Structures are given as C-alpha cells and as structure tokens.
Amino acid sequence: MTDVQVPEADHELPLLPGEVKPHPSPFAYVIIAVILCVITALEVALSYTDLADGVMIALLLTMAAIKFFLVASWFMHLRTDAPVFRRFFILGIVAAIILFSIAMSTLHIFSP
C-alpha cells in the first residue's frame, strides 16, 4: 500500500513532496487577493497626489515589496514548501538585485 494522507476537511489536500504544512483554505486566498487589490488601489491613488518625488518613490517601493512578499509567500506557496525552496528563491532575488546594482553602477546611473 502507498502512504497517502487522507484529507480531514474539504479544503485540506494531502501534502505533496517538498511541502511541510498544508495549503490554506480558499477563503484565505480570497482575503490575500482583496488585500492585494487594496494595496494596488492605494498605489494608484498615491500617484495622483502632490507628494515629493522621494517620498512617493519610497511609499510605492514599500507597497510593491509588500505585494511581492504576499504573492511569493501565498500564491507561489513558499509558506507551505520546504525551507530549501525559500532559500533558493531568496538567493535568486538577492543575486538579481546585486547584478542589477552592478549594471546600473557601470552605466553611472547612480552618480549625479
């Protein structure tokens, strides 16, 4: 016989290889989608304000980082996967940021 976990509730599925905890309910995904829509609406509303450029860029980057974290952790299932997948993902993001910074420095984008 195979060792298959039987779901206890309708929304609980058996763990797949590489997962350490079960996926959340569909309602949790809807809540995250609503939060992402609200943050997007705030970003659009912020773009119509007369804030200083530095403040607006900082706020927009912060909201973008929050949305990125929510999408990566919930919809890409990094919350439920084994920690090794999360580490590879973070390593890739950090490497991409470093490479982008080196390329921009080479093109003198950051100099006045």
PDB file of N, CA and C in Angstrom:
ATOM      1  N   MET A   1       0.835  -1.188   0.000  1.00  0.00           N
ATOM      2  CA  MET A   1       0.000   0.000   0.000  1.00  0.00           C
ATOM      3  C   MET A   1       0.875   1.244   0.000  1.00  0.00           C
ATOM      4  N   THR A   2       0.343   2.311  -0.557  1.00  0.00           N
ATOM      5  CA  THR A   2       1.068   3.579  -0.565  1.00  0.00           C
ATOM      6  C   THR A   2       0.705   4.377   0.662  1.00  0.00           C
ATOM      7  N   ASP A   3       1.609   5.242   1.069  1.00  0.00           N
ATOM      8  CA  ASP A   3       1.398   6.075   2.251  1.00  0.00           C
ATOM      9  C   ASP A   3       0.822   7.414   1.819  1.00  0.00           C
ATOM     10  N   VAL A   4      -0.501   7.489   1.664  1.00  0.00           N
ATOM     11  CA  VAL A   4      -1.178   8.702   1.220  1.00  0.00           C
ATOM     12  C   VAL A   4      -2.003   9.241   2.371  1.00  0.00           C
ATOM     13  N   GLN A   5      -1.868  10.552   2.624  1.00  0.00           N
ATOM     14  CA  GLN A   5      -2.649  11.178   3.680  1.00  0.00           C
ATOM     15  C   GLN A   5      -4.053  11.464   3.167  1.00  0.00           C
ATOM     16  N   VAL A   6      -5.038  11.208   3.987  1.00  0.00           N
ATOM     17  CA  VAL A   6      -6.420  11.458   3.612  1.00  0.00           C
ATOM     18  C   VAL A   6      -6.824  12.813   4.164  1.00  0.00           C
ATOM     19  N   PRO A   7      -7.431  13.688   3.331  1.00  0.00           N
ATOM     20  CA  PRO A   7      -7.837  14.993   3.837  1.00  0.00           C
ATOM     21  C   PRO A   7      -8.924  14.867   4.896  1.00  0.00           C
ATOM     22  N   GLU A   8      -8.804  15.693   5.933  1.00  0.00           N
ATOM     23  CA  GLU A   8      -9.793  15.661   7.006  1.00  0.00           C
ATOM     24  C   GLU A   8     -10.965  16.575   6.718  1.00  0.00           C
ATOM     25  N   ALA A   9     -10.735  17.655   5.991  1.00  0.00           N
ATOM     26  CA  ALA A   9     -11.803  18.582   5.636  1.00  0.00           C
ATOM     27  C   ALA A   9     -11.786  18.761   4.123  1.00  0.00           C
ATOM     28  N   ASP A  10     -12.786  19.454   3.599  1.00  0.00           N
ATOM     29  CA  ASP A  10     -12.892  19.643   2.162  1.00  0.00           C
ATOM     30  C   ASP A  10     -11.726  20.439   1.595  1.00  0.00           C
ATOM     31  N   HIS A  11     -11.208  21.432   2.332  1.00  0.00           N
ATOM     32  CA  HIS A  11     -10.160  22.296   1.807  1.00  0.00           C
ATOM     33  C   HIS A  11      -8.751  21.764   2.061  1.00  0.00           C
ATOM     34  N   GLU A  12      -8.634  20.705   2.835  1.00  0.00           N
ATOM     35  CA  GLU A  12      -7.305  20.172   3.130  1.00  0.00           C
ATOM     36  C   GLU A  12      -6.958  19.080   2.120  1.00  0.00           C
ATOM     37  N   LEU A  13      -5.864  19.278   1.436  1.00  0.00           N
ATOM     38  CA  LEU A  13      -5.382  18.294   0.478  1.00  0.00           C
ATOM     39  C   LEU A  13      -4.175  17.591   1.071  1.00  0.00           C
ATOM     40  N   PRO A  14      -3.863  16.397   0.592  1.00  0.00           N
ATOM     41  CA  PRO A  14      -2.665  15.724   1.109  1.00  0.00           C
ATOM     42  C   PRO A  14      -1.410  16.518   0.764  1.00  0.00           C
ATOM     43  N   LEU A  15      -0.413  16.399   1.616  1.00  0.00           N
ATOM     44  CA  LEU A  15       0.848  17.105   1.384  1.00  0.00           C
ATOM     45  C   LEU A  15       1.558  16.512   0.184  1.00  0.00           C
ATOM     46  N   LEU A  16       2.058  17.379  -0.664  1.00  0.00           N
ATOM     47  CA  LEU A  16       2.837  16.952  -1.814  1.00  0.00           C
ATOM     48  C   LEU A  16       4.299  16.859  -1.412  1.00  0.00           C
ATOM     49  N   PRO A  17       5.126  16.189  -2.210  1.00  0.00           N
ATOM     50  CA  PRO A  17       6.554  16.135  -1.874  1.00  0.00           C
ATOM     51  C   PRO A  17       7.156  17.535  -1.801  1.00  0.00           C
ATOM     52  N   GLY A  18       7.891  17.815  -0.759  1.00  0.00           N
ATOM     53  CA  GLY A  18       8.513  19.118  -0.577  1.00  0.00           C
ATOM     54  C   GLY A  18       7.698  20.079   0.271  1.00  0.00           C
ATOM     55  N   GLU A  19       6.490  19.713   0.627  1.00  0.00           N
ATOM     56  CA  GLU A  19       5.661  20.589   1.453  1.00  0.00           C
ATOM     57  C   GLU A  19       5.796  20.197   2.915  1.00  0.00           C
ATOM     58  N   VAL A  20       5.762  21.212   3.785  1.00  0.00           N
ATOM     59  CA  VAL A  20       5.884  20.934   5.212  1.00  0.00           C
ATOM     60  C   VAL A  20       4.606  21.234   5.976  1.00  0.00           C
ATOM     61  N   LYS A  21       3.679  21.983   5.387  1.00  0.00           N
ATOM     62  CA  LYS A  21       2.384  22.211   6.017  1.00  0.00           C
ATOM     63  C   LYS A  21       1.315  22.310   4.936  1.00  0.00           C
ATOM     64  N   PRO A  22       0.067  22.053   5.289  1.00  0.00           N
ATOM     65  CA  PRO A  22      -0.998  22.035   4.278  1.00  0.00           C
ATOM     66  C   PRO A  22      -1.303  23.431   3.743  1.00  0.00           C
ATOM     67  N   HIS A  23      -1.875  23.445   2.559  1.00  0.00           N
ATOM     68  CA  HIS A  23      -2.263  24.713   1.950  1.00  0.00           C
ATOM     69  C   HIS A  23      -3.420  25.339   2.717  1.00  0.00           C
ATOM     70  N   PRO A  24      -3.521  26.662   2.699  1.00  0.00           N
ATOM     71  CA  PRO A  24      -4.625  27.318   3.386  1.00  0.00           C
ATOM     72  C   PRO A  24      -5.940  27.103   2.631  1.00  0.00           C
ATOM     73  N   SER A  25      -7.002  27.527   3.260  1.00  0.00           N
ATOM     74  CA  SER A  25      -8.327  27.384   2.654  1.00  0.00           C
ATOM     75  C   SER A  25      -8.490  28.365   1.495  1.00  0.00           C
ATOM     76  N   PRO A  26      -9.433  28.115   0.601  1.00  0.00           N
ATOM     77  CA  PRO A  26      -9.691  29.064  -0.490  1.00  0.00           C
ATOM     78  C   PRO A  26     -10.063  30.452   0.023  1.00  0.00           C
ATOM     79  N   PHE A  27     -10.718  30.514   1.189  1.00  0.00           N
ATOM     80  CA  PHE A  27     -11.082  31.809   1.757  1.00  0.00           C
ATOM     81  C   PHE A  27      -9.843  32.650   2.065  1.00  0.00           C
ATOM     82  N   ALA A  28      -8.773  32.006   2.526  1.00  0.00           N
ATOM     83  CA  ALA A  28      -7.530  32.734   2.816  1.00  0.00           C
ATOM     84  C   ALA A  28      -6.951  33.332   1.537  1.00  0.00           C
ATOM     85  N   TYR A  29      -7.040  32.591   0.422  1.00  0.00           N
ATOM     86  CA  TYR A  29      -6.551  33.117  -0.849  1.00  0.00           C
ATOM     87  C   TYR A  29      -7.376  34.318  -1.303  1.00  0.00           C
ATOM     88  N   VAL A  30      -8.673  34.283  -1.069  1.00  0.00           N
ATOM     89  CA  VAL A  30      -9.536  35.412  -1.432  1.00  0.00           C
ATOM     90  C   VAL A  30      -9.179  36.633  -0.590  1.00  0.00           C
ATOM     91  N   ILE A  31      -8.932  36.431   0.687  1.00  0.00           N
ATOM     92  CA  ILE A  31      -8.549  37.546   1.569  1.00  0.00           C
ATOM     93  C   ILE A  31      -7.240  38.171   1.094  1.00  0.00           C
ATOM     94  N   ILE A  32      -6.261  37.357   0.734  1.00  0.00           N
ATOM     95  CA  ILE A  32      -4.985  37.896   0.237  1.00  0.00           C
ATOM     96  C   ILE A  32      -5.206  38.644  -1.068  1.00  0.00           C
ATOM     97  N   ALA A  33      -6.066  38.128  -1.952  1.00  0.00           N
ATOM     98  CA  ALA A  33      -6.362  38.819  -3.210  1.00  0.00           C
ATOM     99  C   ALA A  33      -7.008  40.175  -2.951  1.00  0.00           C
ATOM    100  N   VAL A  34      -7.899  40.252  -1.972  1.00  0.00           N
ATOM    101  CA  VAL A  34      -8.533  41.534  -1.622  1.00  0.00           C
ATOM    102  C   VAL A  34      -7.480  42.500  -1.079  1.00  0.00           C
ATOM    103  N   ILE A  35      -6.588  42.019  -0.239  1.00  0.00           N
ATOM    104  CA  ILE A  35      -5.522  42.873   0.295  1.00  0.00           C
ATOM    105  C   ILE A  35      -4.647  43.396  -0.837  1.00  0.00           C
ATOM    106  N   LEU A  36      -4.317  42.544  -1.805  1.00  0.00           N
ATOM    107  CA  LEU A  36      -3.516  42.981  -2.950  1.00  0.00           C
ATOM    108  C   LEU A  36      -4.251  44.040  -3.771  1.00  0.00           C
ATOM    109  N   CYS A  37      -5.568  43.889  -3.929  1.00  0.00           N
ATOM    110  CA  CYS A  37      -6.359  44.894  -4.659  1.00  0.00           C
ATOM    111  C   CYS A  37      -6.372  46.230  -3.920  1.00  0.00           C
ATOM    112  N   VAL A  38      -6.489  46.176  -2.605  1.00  0.00           N
ATOM    113  CA  VAL A  38      -6.500  47.416  -1.815  1.00  0.00           C
ATOM    114  C   VAL A  38      -5.149  48.123  -1.918  1.00  0.00           C
ATOM    115  N   ILE A  39      -4.069  47.371  -1.824  1.00  0.00           N
ATOM    116  CA  ILE A  39      -2.743  47.987  -1.938  1.00  0.00           C
ATOM    117  C   ILE A  39      -2.548  48.587  -3.324  1.00  0.00           C
ATOM    118  N   THR A  40      -3.021  47.897  -4.366  1.00  0.00           N
ATOM    119  CA  THR A  40      -2.929  48.429  -5.725  1.00  0.00           C
ATOM    120  C   THR A  40      -3.737  49.720  -5.860  1.00  0.00           C
ATOM    121  N   ALA A  41      -4.921  49.755  -5.273  1.00  0.00           N
ATOM    122  CA  ALA A  41      -5.733  50.976  -5.298  1.00  0.00           C
ATOM    123  C   ALA A  41      -5.019  52.120  -4.570  1.00  0.00           C
ATOM    124  N   LEU A  42      -4.357  51.815  -3.465  1.00  0.00           N
ATOM    125  CA  LEU A  42      -3.584  52.839  -2.751  1.00  0.00           C
ATOM    126  C   LEU A  42      -2.428  53.350  -3.598  1.00  0.00           C
ATOM    127  N   GLU A  43      -1.790  52.455  -4.345  1.00  0.00           N
ATOM    128  CA  GLU A  43      -0.698  52.879  -5.222  1.00  0.00           C
ATOM    129  C   GLU A  43      -1.197  53.817  -6.313  1.00  0.00           C
ATOM    130  N   VAL A  44      -2.331  53.482  -6.900  1.00  0.00           N
ATOM    131  CA  VAL A  44      -2.896  54.344  -7.945  1.00  0.00           C
ATOM    132  C   VAL A  44      -3.305  55.684  -7.357  1.00  0.00           C
ATOM    133  N   ALA A  45      -3.952  55.671  -6.198  1.00  0.00           N
ATOM    134  CA  ALA A  45      -4.353  56.921  -5.556  1.00  0.00           C
ATOM    135  C   ALA A  45      -3.134  57.763  -5.187  1.00  0.00           C
ATOM    136  N   LEU A  46      -2.079  57.114  -4.728  1.00  0.00           N
ATOM    137  CA  LEU A  46      -0.856  57.825  -4.356  1.00  0.00           C
ATOM    138  C   LEU A  46      -0.227  58.509  -5.563  1.00  0.00           C
ATOM    139  N   SER A  47      -0.363  57.909  -6.731  1.00  0.00           N
ATOM    140  CA  SER A  47       0.245  58.502  -7.923  1.00  0.00           C
ATOM    141  C   SER A  47      -0.434  59.817  -8.326  1.00  0.00           C
ATOM    142  N   TYR A  48      -1.635  60.052  -7.837  1.00  0.00           N
ATOM    143  CA  TYR A  48      -2.345  61.287  -8.151  1.00  0.00           C
ATOM    144  C   TYR A  48      -2.132  62.384  -7.103  1.00  0.00           C
ATOM    145  N   THR A  49      -1.359  62.108  -6.060  1.00  0.00           N
ATOM    146  CA  THR A  49      -1.124  63.109  -5.019  1.00  0.00           C
ATOM    147  C   THR A  49       0.063  63.987  -5.391  1.00  0.00           C
ATOM    148  N   ASP A  50       0.235  65.074  -4.631  1.00  0.00           N
ATOM    149  CA  ASP A  50       1.324  66.017  -4.874  1.00  0.00           C
ATOM    150  C   ASP A  50       2.457  65.843  -3.859  1.00  0.00           C
ATOM    151  N   LEU A  51       2.791  64.608  -3.562  1.00  0.00           N
ATOM    152  CA  LEU A  51       3.896  64.356  -2.639  1.00  0.00           C
ATOM    153  C   LEU A  51       5.229  64.605  -3.334  1.00  0.00           C
ATOM    154  N   ALA A  52       6.241  64.829  -2.533  1.00  0.00           N
ATOM    155  CA  ALA A  52       7.594  64.962  -3.085  1.00  0.00           C
ATOM    156  C   ALA A  52       7.998  63.648  -3.752  1.00  0.00           C
ATOM    157  N   ASP A  53       8.814  63.750  -4.783  1.00  0.00           N
ATOM    158  CA  ASP A  53       9.185  62.565  -5.554  1.00  0.00           C
ATOM    159  C   ASP A  53       9.837  61.488  -4.689  1.00  0.00           C
ATOM    160  N   GLY A  54      10.726  61.878  -3.792  1.00  0.00           N
ATOM    161  CA  GLY A  54      11.410  60.907  -2.938  1.00  0.00           C
ATOM    162  C   GLY A  54      10.458  60.161  -2.025  1.00  0.00           C
ATOM    163  N   VAL A  55       9.492  60.889  -1.457  1.00  0.00           N
ATOM    164  CA  VAL A  55       8.517  60.270  -0.557  1.00  0.00           C
ATOM    165  C   VAL A  55       7.619  59.315  -1.338  1.00  0.00           C
ATOM    166  N   MET A  56       7.173  59.772  -2.516  1.00  0.00           N
ATOM    167  CA  MET A  56       6.290  58.937  -3.320  1.00  0.00           C
ATOM    168  C   MET A  56       6.997  57.662  -3.762  1.00  0.00           C
ATOM    169  N   ILE A  57       8.253  57.782  -4.187  1.00  0.00           N
ATOM    170  CA  ILE A  57       9.003  56.605  -4.617  1.00  0.00           C
ATOM    171  C   ILE A  57       9.200  55.640  -3.455  1.00  0.00           C
ATOM    172  N   ALA A  58       9.499  56.163  -2.275  1.00  0.00           N
ATOM    173  CA  ALA A  58       9.692  55.308  -1.103  1.00  0.00           C
ATOM    174  C   ALA A  58       8.400  54.570  -0.748  1.00  0.00           C
ATOM    175  N   LEU A  59       7.273  55.283  -0.779  1.00  0.00           N
ATOM    176  CA  LEU A  59       5.991  54.644  -0.466  1.00  0.00           C
ATOM    177  C   LEU A  59       5.614  53.599  -1.518  1.00  0.00           C
ATOM    178  N   LEU A  60       5.812  53.923  -2.789  1.00  0.00           N
ATOM    179  CA  LEU A  60       5.479  52.975  -3.852  1.00  0.00           C
ATOM    180  C   LEU A  60       6.364  51.730  -3.788  1.00  0.00           C
ATOM    181  N   LEU A  61       7.643  51.916  -3.508  1.00  0.00           N
ATOM    182  CA  LEU A  61       8.532  50.759  -3.383  1.00  0.00           C
ATOM    183  C   LEU A  61       8.170  49.895  -2.175  1.00  0.00           C
ATOM    184  N   THR A  62       7.765  50.536  -1.090  1.00  0.00           N
ATOM    185  CA  THR A  62       7.346  49.782   0.099  1.00  0.00           C
ATOM    186  C   THR A  62       6.102  48.954  -0.202  1.00  0.00           C
ATOM    187  N   MET A  63       5.120  49.569  -0.844  1.00  0.00           N
ATOM    188  CA  MET A  63       3.896  48.833  -1.186  1.00  0.00           C
ATOM    189  C   MET A  63       4.189  47.718  -2.191  1.00  0.00           C
ATOM    190  N   ALA A  64       5.091  47.963  -3.138  1.00  0.00           N
ATOM    191  CA  ALA A  64       5.459  46.926  -4.096  1.00  0.00           C
ATOM    192  C   ALA A  64       6.151  45.760  -3.397  1.00  0.00           C
ATOM    193  N   ALA A  65       6.991  46.058  -2.419  1.00  0.00           N
ATOM    194  CA  ALA A  65       7.669  44.998  -1.670  1.00  0.00           C
ATOM    195  C   ALA A  65       6.668  44.167  -0.873  1.00  0.00           C
ATOM    196  N   ILE A  66       5.677  44.820  -0.275  1.00  0.00           N
ATOM    197  CA  ILE A  66       4.641  44.103   0.471  1.00  0.00           C
ATOM    198  C   ILE A  66       3.853  43.191  -0.464  1.00  0.00           C
ATOM    199  N   LYS A  67       3.475  43.709  -1.631  1.00  0.00           N
ATOM    200  CA  LYS A  67       2.741  42.883  -2.591  1.00  0.00           C
ATOM    201  C   LYS A  67       3.596  41.717  -3.077  1.00  0.00           C
ATOM    202  N   PHE A  68       4.872  41.967  -3.339  1.00  0.00           N
ATOM    203  CA  PHE A  68       5.775  40.895  -3.769  1.00  0.00           C
ATOM    204  C   PHE A  68       5.855  39.808  -2.708  1.00  0.00           C
ATOM    205  N   PHE A  69       5.995  40.207  -1.451  1.00  0.00           N
ATOM    206  CA  PHE A  69       6.080  39.234  -0.357  1.00  0.00           C
ATOM    207  C   PHE A  69       4.798  38.410  -0.263  1.00  0.00           C
ATOM    208  N   LEU A  70       3.638  39.066  -0.372  1.00  0.00           N
ATOM    209  CA  LEU A  70       2.372  38.342  -0.276  1.00  0.00           C
ATOM    210  C   LEU A  70       2.195  37.357  -1.430  1.00  0.00           C
ATOM    211  N   VAL A  71       2.507  37.793  -2.650  1.00  0.00           N
ATOM    212  CA  VAL A  71       2.352  36.903  -3.804  1.00  0.00           C
ATOM    213  C   VAL A  71       3.322  35.726  -3.707  1.00  0.00           C
ATOM    214  N   ALA A  72       4.572  36.003  -3.360  1.00  0.00           N
ATOM    215  CA  ALA A  72       5.563  34.932  -3.287  1.00  0.00           C
ATOM    216  C   ALA A  72       5.242  33.938  -2.166  1.00  0.00           C
ATOM    217  N   SER A  73       4.813  34.438  -1.033  1.00  0.00           N
ATOM    218  CA  SER A  73       4.585  33.527   0.087  1.00  0.00           C
ATOM    219  C   SER A  73       3.263  32.774  -0.021  1.00  0.00           C
ATOM    220  N   TRP A  74       2.210  33.407  -0.518  1.00  0.00           N
ATOM    221  CA  TRP A  74       0.910  32.745  -0.570  1.00  0.00           C
ATOM    222  C   TRP A  74       0.643  32.063  -1.903  1.00  0.00           C
ATOM    223  N   PHE A  75       0.758  32.800  -3.013  1.00  0.00           N
ATOM    224  CA  PHE A  75       0.366  32.246  -4.303  1.00  0.00           C
ATOM    225  C   PHE A  75       1.461  31.394  -4.941  1.00  0.00           C
ATOM    226  N   MET A  76       2.714  31.616  -4.573  1.00  0.00           N
ATOM    227  CA  MET A  76       3.788  30.743  -5.052  1.00  0.00           C
ATOM    228  C   MET A  76       4.075  29.640  -4.022  1.00  0.00           C
ATOM    229  N   HIS A  77       3.299  29.604  -2.956  1.00  0.00           N
ATOM    230  CA  HIS A  77       3.320  28.556  -1.943  1.00  0.00           C
ATOM    231  C   HIS A  77       4.648  28.426  -1.214  1.00  0.00           C
ATOM    232  N   LEU A  78       5.405  29.518  -1.083  1.00  0.00           N
ATOM    233  CA  LEU A  78       6.656  29.436  -0.329  1.00  0.00           C
ATOM    234  C   LEU A  78       6.398  29.238   1.159  1.00  0.00           C
ATOM    235  N   ARG A  79       5.200  29.571   1.619  1.00  0.00           N
ATOM    236  CA  ARG A  79       4.860  29.364   3.030  1.00  0.00           C
ATOM    237  C   ARG A  79       4.749  27.884   3.371  1.00  0.00           C
ATOM    238  N   THR A  80       4.267  27.089   2.404  1.00  0.00           N
ATOM    239  CA  THR A  80       3.995  25.684   2.698  1.00  0.00           C
ATOM    240  C   THR A  80       5.109  24.757   2.235  1.00  0.00           C
ATOM    241  N   ASP A  81       6.035  25.250   1.429  1.00  0.00           N
ATOM    242  CA  ASP A  81       7.107  24.403   0.907  1.00  0.00           C
ATOM    243  C   ASP A  81       8.239  24.254   1.918  1.00  0.00           C
ATOM    244  N   ALA A  82       9.102  23.332   1.623  1.00  0.00           N
ATOM    245  CA  ALA A  82      10.281  23.096   2.468  1.00  0.00           C
ATOM    246  C   ALA A  82      11.170  24.341   2.461  1.00  0.00           C
ATOM    247  N   PRO A  83      11.871  24.604   3.552  1.00  0.00           N
ATOM    248  CA  PRO A  83      12.711  25.803   3.648  1.00  0.00           C
ATOM    249  C   PRO A  83      13.776  25.907   2.563  1.00  0.00           C
ATOM    250  N   VAL A  84      14.213  24.791   1.997  1.00  0.00           N
ATOM    251  CA  VAL A  84      15.248  24.856   0.968  1.00  0.00           C
ATOM    252  C   VAL A  84      14.746  25.617  -0.256  1.00  0.00           C
ATOM    253  N   PHE A  85      13.473  25.500  -0.602  1.00  0.00           N
ATOM    254  CA  PHE A  85      12.926  26.230  -1.741  1.00  0.00           C
ATOM    255  C   PHE A  85      12.893  27.735  -1.469  1.00  0.00           C
ATOM    256  N   ARG A  86      12.548  28.089  -0.253  1.00  0.00           N
ATOM    257  CA  ARG A  86      12.536  29.502   0.143  1.00  0.00           C
ATOM    258  C   ARG A  86      13.946  30.085   0.067  1.00  0.00           C
ATOM    259  N   ARG A  87      14.917  29.320   0.504  1.00  0.00           N
ATOM    260  CA  ARG A  87      16.312  29.796   0.467  1.00  0.00           C
ATOM    261  C   ARG A  87      16.793  30.001  -0.965  1.00  0.00           C
ATOM    262  N   PHE A  88      16.476  29.069  -1.857  1.00  0.00           N
ATOM    263  CA  PHE A  88      16.849  29.236  -3.259  1.00  0.00           C
ATOM    264  C   PHE A  88      16.180  30.458  -3.870  1.00  0.00           C
ATOM    265  N   PHE A  89      14.916  30.674  -3.532  1.00  0.00           N
ATOM    266  CA  PHE A  89      14.188  31.827  -4.052  1.00  0.00           C
ATOM    267  C   PHE A  89      14.819  33.131  -3.566  1.00  0.00           C
ATOM    268  N   ILE A  90      15.115  33.213  -2.273  1.00  0.00           N
ATOM    269  CA  ILE A  90      15.726  34.416  -1.715  1.00  0.00           C
ATOM    270  C   ILE A  90      17.122  34.629  -2.288  1.00  0.00           C
ATOM    271  N   LEU A  91      17.880  33.563  -2.457  1.00  0.00           N
ATOM    272  CA  LEU A  91      19.201  33.670  -3.062  1.00  0.00           C
ATOM    273  C   LEU A  91      19.107  34.245  -4.475  1.00  0.00           C
ATOM    274  N   GLY A  92      18.139  33.804  -5.249  1.00  0.00           N
ATOM    275  CA  GLY A  92      17.947  34.323  -6.599  1.00  0.00           C
ATOM    276  C   GLY A  92      17.579  35.791  -6.607  1.00  0.00           C
ATOM    277  N   ILE A  93      16.705  36.196  -5.693  1.00  0.00           N
ATOM    278  CA  ILE A  93      16.307  37.611  -5.610  1.00  0.00           C
ATOM    279  C   ILE A  93      17.508  38.477  -5.228  1.00  0.00           C
ATOM    280  N   VAL A  94      18.267  38.061  -4.228  1.00  0.00           N
ATOM    281  CA  VAL A  94      19.425  38.836  -3.795  1.00  0.00           C
ATOM    282  C   VAL A  94      20.461  38.922  -4.914  1.00  0.00           C
ATOM    283  N   ALA A  95      20.690  37.807  -5.608  1.00  0.00           N
ATOM    284  CA  ALA A  95      21.653  37.816  -6.711  1.00  0.00           C
ATOM    285  C   ALA A  95      21.195  38.745  -7.833  1.00  0.00           C
ATOM    286  N   ALA A  96      19.899  38.755  -8.126  1.00  0.00           N
ATOM    287  CA  ALA A  96      19.379  39.634  -9.172  1.00  0.00           C
ATOM    288  C   ALA A  96      19.529  41.102  -8.784  1.00  0.00           C
ATOM    289  N   ILE A  97      19.276  41.434  -7.523  1.00  0.00           N
ATOM    290  CA  ILE A  97      19.422  42.818  -7.061  1.00  0.00           C
ATOM    291  C   ILE A  97      20.883  43.246  -7.132  1.00  0.00           C
ATOM    292  N   ILE A  98      21.800  42.376  -6.726  1.00  0.00           N
ATOM    293  CA  ILE A  98      23.227  42.703  -6.797  1.00  0.00           C
ATOM    294  C   ILE A  98      23.661  42.898  -8.241  1.00  0.00           C
ATOM    295  N   LEU A  99      23.243  42.007  -9.130  1.00  0.00           N
ATOM    296  CA  LEU A  99      23.607  42.125 -10.545  1.00  0.00           C
ATOM    297  C   LEU A  99      23.031  43.406 -11.153  1.00  0.00           C
ATOM    298  N   PHE A 100      21.791  43.725 -10.817  1.00  0.00           N
ATOM    299  CA  PHE A 100      21.173  44.957 -11.313  1.00  0.00           C
ATOM    300  C   PHE A 100      21.925  46.184 -10.806  1.00  0.00           C
ATOM    301  N   SER A 101      22.301  46.173  -9.527  1.00  0.00           N
ATOM    302  CA  SER A 101      23.040  47.302  -8.962  1.00  0.00           C
ATOM    303  C   SER A 101      24.402  47.464  -9.625  1.00  0.00           C
ATOM    304  N   ILE A 102      25.080  46.359  -9.896  1.00  0.00           N
ATOM    305  CA  ILE A 102      26.379  46.438 -10.575  1.00  0.00           C
ATOM    306  C   ILE A 102      26.206  46.990 -11.986  1.00  0.00           C
ATOM    307  N   ALA A 103      25.195  46.518 -12.698  1.00  0.00           N
ATOM    308  CA  ALA A 103      24.965  47.003 -14.063  1.00  0.00           C
ATOM    309  C   ALA A 103      24.634  48.494 -14.063  1.00  0.00           C
ATOM    310  N   MET A 104      23.806  48.941 -13.126  1.00  0.00           N
ATOM    311  CA  MET A 104      23.446  50.359 -13.058  1.00  0.00           C
ATOM    312  C   MET A 104      24.650  51.212 -12.652  1.00  0.00           C
ATOM    313  N   SER A 105      25.490  50.689 -11.767  1.00  0.00           N
ATOM    314  CA  SER A 105      26.702  51.422 -11.382  1.00  0.00           C
ATOM    315  C   SER A 105      27.665  51.552 -12.554  1.00  0.00           C
ATOM    316  N   THR A 106      27.774  50.514 -13.347  1.00  0.00           N
ATOM    317  CA  THR A 106      28.632  50.549 -14.511  1.00  0.00           C
ATOM    318  C   THR A 106      28.166  51.605 -15.514  1.00  0.00           C
ATOM    319  N   LEU A 107      26.861  51.785 -15.605  1.00  0.00           N
ATOM    320  CA  LEU A 107      26.298  52.780 -16.532  1.00  0.00           C
ATOM    321  C   LEU A 107      26.203  54.171 -15.896  1.00  0.00           C
ATOM    322  N   HIS A 108      26.725  54.334 -14.676  1.00  0.00           N
ATOM    323  CA  HIS A 108      26.764  55.623 -13.953  1.00  0.00           C
ATOM    324  C   HIS A 108      25.355  56.185 -13.723  1.00  0.00           C
ATOM    325  N   ILE A 109      24.398  55.332 -13.467  1.00  0.00           N
ATOM    326  CA  ILE A 109      23.026  55.770 -13.212  1.00  0.00           C
ATOM    327  C   ILE A 109      22.930  56.437 -11.841  1.00  0.00           C
ATOM    328  N   PHE A 110      23.702  55.984 -10.855  1.00  0.00           N
ATOM    329  CA  PHE A 110      23.593  56.498  -9.508  1.00  0.00           C
ATOM    330  C   PHE A 110      24.419  57.750  -9.258  1.00  0.00           C
ATOM    331  N   SER A 111      25.265  58.139 -10.173  1.00  0.00           N
ATOM    332  CA  SER A 111      26.093  59.338  -9.973  1.00  0.00           C
ATOM    333  C   SER A 111      25.329  60.588 -10.427  1.00  0.00           C
ATOM    334  N   PRO A 112      25.567  61.729  -9.764  1.00  0.00           N
ATOM    335  CA  PRO A 112      24.819  62.947 -10.108  1.00  0.00           C
ATOM    336  C   PRO A 112      25.184  63.532 -11.450  1.00  0.00           C
TER     337      PRO A 112
END
